[in-house]
Amino acid sequence: MNAETLGLERRDGRNMVAVAGVVTLVVVVTAEGPIGARVVAGAIVGAVAAAVFVASTLLINRYKPDHW
């Protein structure tokens, strides 16, 4: 299953990577603890942010009004 089958465009993937990257960096910089734990926490939160981004993009693409 590829992104086009799901209804995602190329820019959606690029935006997802940008969102996940920014969220990961913010968590790594702002979290407390050893650097390893901060990186792991950032990766987990970034992955969750990417999943939420994909889910919300799919829902928007499916249910958006025709005039959008």
C-alpha atoms as a PDB file:
ATOM      1  CA  MET A   1       0.000   0.000   0.000  1.00  0.00           C
ATOM      2  CA  ASN A   2       1.496   3.310  -1.009  1.00  0.00           C
ATOM      3  CA  ALA A   3       0.670   6.894  -0.146  1.00  0.00           C
ATOM      4  CA  GLU A   4      -1.322   7.520  -3.320  1.00  0.00           C
ATOM      5  CA  THR A   5      -3.558   4.546  -2.570  1.00  0.00           C
ATOM      6  CA  LEU A   6      -4.423   6.170   0.755  1.00  0.00           C
ATOM      7  CA  GLY A   7      -5.115   9.508  -0.901  1.00  0.00           C
ATOM      8  CA  LEU A   8      -1.989  11.325   0.236  1.00  0.00           C
ATOM      9  CA  GLU A   9      -0.050  13.653  -2.010  1.00  0.00           C
ATOM     10  CA  ARG A  10       3.714  14.130  -2.192  1.00  0.00           C
ATOM     11  CA  ARG A  11       3.508  17.387  -0.225  1.00  0.00           C
ATOM     12  CA  ASP A  12       1.608  15.592   2.555  1.00  0.00           C
ATOM     13  CA  GLY A  13       4.589  13.306   3.100  1.00  0.00           C
ATOM     14  CA  ARG A  14       6.974  16.241   3.087  1.00  0.00           C
ATOM     15  CA  ASN A  15       4.803  18.107   5.591  1.00  0.00           C
ATOM     16  CA  MET A  16       4.574  15.019   7.810  1.00  0.00           C
ATOM     17  CA  VAL A  17       8.362  14.723   7.942  1.00  0.00           C
ATOM     18  CA  ALA A  18       8.646  18.424   8.788  1.00  0.00           C
ATOM     19  CA  VAL A  19       6.077  18.172  11.599  1.00  0.00           C
ATOM     20  CA  ALA A  20       7.670  15.033  13.046  1.00  0.00           C
ATOM     21  CA  GLY A  21      11.135  16.579  12.862  1.00  0.00           C
ATOM     22  CA  VAL A  22      10.131  19.799  14.595  1.00  0.00           C
ATOM     23  CA  VAL A  23       8.227  17.955  17.328  1.00  0.00           C
ATOM     24  CA  THR A  24      11.170  15.599  17.868  1.00  0.00           C
ATOM     25  CA  LEU A  25      13.640  18.472  18.159  1.00  0.00           C
ATOM     26  CA  VAL A  26      11.427  20.397  20.582  1.00  0.00           C
ATOM     27  CA  VAL A  27      11.049  17.363  22.837  1.00  0.00           C
ATOM     28  CA  VAL A  28      14.783  16.578  22.758  1.00  0.00           C
ATOM     29  CA  VAL A  29      15.671  20.164  23.650  1.00  0.00           C
ATOM     30  CA  THR A  30      13.026  20.713  26.328  1.00  0.00           C
ATOM     31  CA  ALA A  31      12.914  17.320  28.065  1.00  0.00           C
ATOM     32  CA  GLU A  32      14.911  16.641  31.204  1.00  0.00           C
ATOM     33  CA  GLY A  33      17.188  13.678  31.683  1.00  0.00           C
ATOM     34  CA  PRO A  34      20.152  12.067  29.986  1.00  0.00           C
ATOM     35  CA  ILE A  35      20.554  12.745  26.265  1.00  0.00           C
ATOM     36  CA  GLY A  36      19.760   9.138  25.338  1.00  0.00           C
ATOM     37  CA  ALA A  37      16.426   9.235  27.108  1.00  0.00           C
ATOM     38  CA  ARG A  38      15.605  12.592  25.547  1.00  0.00           C
ATOM     39  CA  VAL A  39      16.352  11.293  22.056  1.00  0.00           C
ATOM     40  CA  VAL A  40      14.215   8.192  22.608  1.00  0.00           C
ATOM     41  CA  ALA A  41      11.362  10.310  23.995  1.00  0.00           C
ATOM     42  CA  GLY A  42      11.679  12.696  21.062  1.00  0.00           C
ATOM     43  CA  ALA A  43      11.579   9.842  18.562  1.00  0.00           C
ATOM     44  CA  ILE A  44       8.475   8.353  20.177  1.00  0.00           C
ATOM     45  CA  VAL A  45       6.637  11.670  20.352  1.00  0.00           C
ATOM     46  CA  GLY A  46       7.707  12.483  16.776  1.00  0.00           C
ATOM     47  CA  ALA A  47       6.338   9.141  15.551  1.00  0.00           C
ATOM     48  CA  VAL A  48       3.041   9.767  17.338  1.00  0.00           C
ATOM     49  CA  ALA A  49       2.877  13.269  15.832  1.00  0.00           C
ATOM     50  CA  ALA A  50       3.483  11.802  12.360  1.00  0.00           C
ATOM     51  CA  ALA A  51       0.705   9.228  12.860  1.00  0.00           C
ATOM     52  CA  VAL A  52      -1.723  11.911  14.032  1.00  0.00           C
ATOM     53  CA  PHE A  53      -0.750  14.079  11.064  1.00  0.00           C
ATOM     54  CA  VAL A  54      -1.468  11.246   8.614  1.00  0.00           C
ATOM     55  CA  ALA A  55      -4.776  10.371  10.277  1.00  0.00           C
ATOM     56  CA  SER A  56      -5.981  13.974  10.315  1.00  0.00           C
ATOM     57  CA  THR A  57      -4.857  14.545   6.719  1.00  0.00           C
ATOM     58  CA  LEU A  58      -6.726  11.451   5.565  1.00  0.00           C
ATOM     59  CA  LEU A  59      -9.866  12.540   7.405  1.00  0.00           C
ATOM     60  CA  ILE A  60      -9.653  16.067   6.003  1.00  0.00           C
ATOM     61  CA  ASN A  61      -9.125  14.776   2.463  1.00  0.00           C
ATOM     62  CA  ARG A  62     -12.058  12.412   2.766  1.00  0.00           C
ATOM     63  CA  TYR A  63     -14.616  14.731   4.368  1.00  0.00           C
ATOM     64  CA  LYS A  64     -13.601  18.190   3.136  1.00  0.00           C
ATOM     65  CA  PRO A  65     -16.165  20.185   1.163  1.00  0.00           C
ATOM     66  CA  ASP A  66     -15.908  20.050  -2.623  1.00  0.00           C
ATOM     67  CA  HIS A  67     -15.100  23.755  -2.883  1.00  0.00           C
ATOM     68  CA  TRP A  68     -11.800  23.413  -0.953  1.00  0.00           C
END
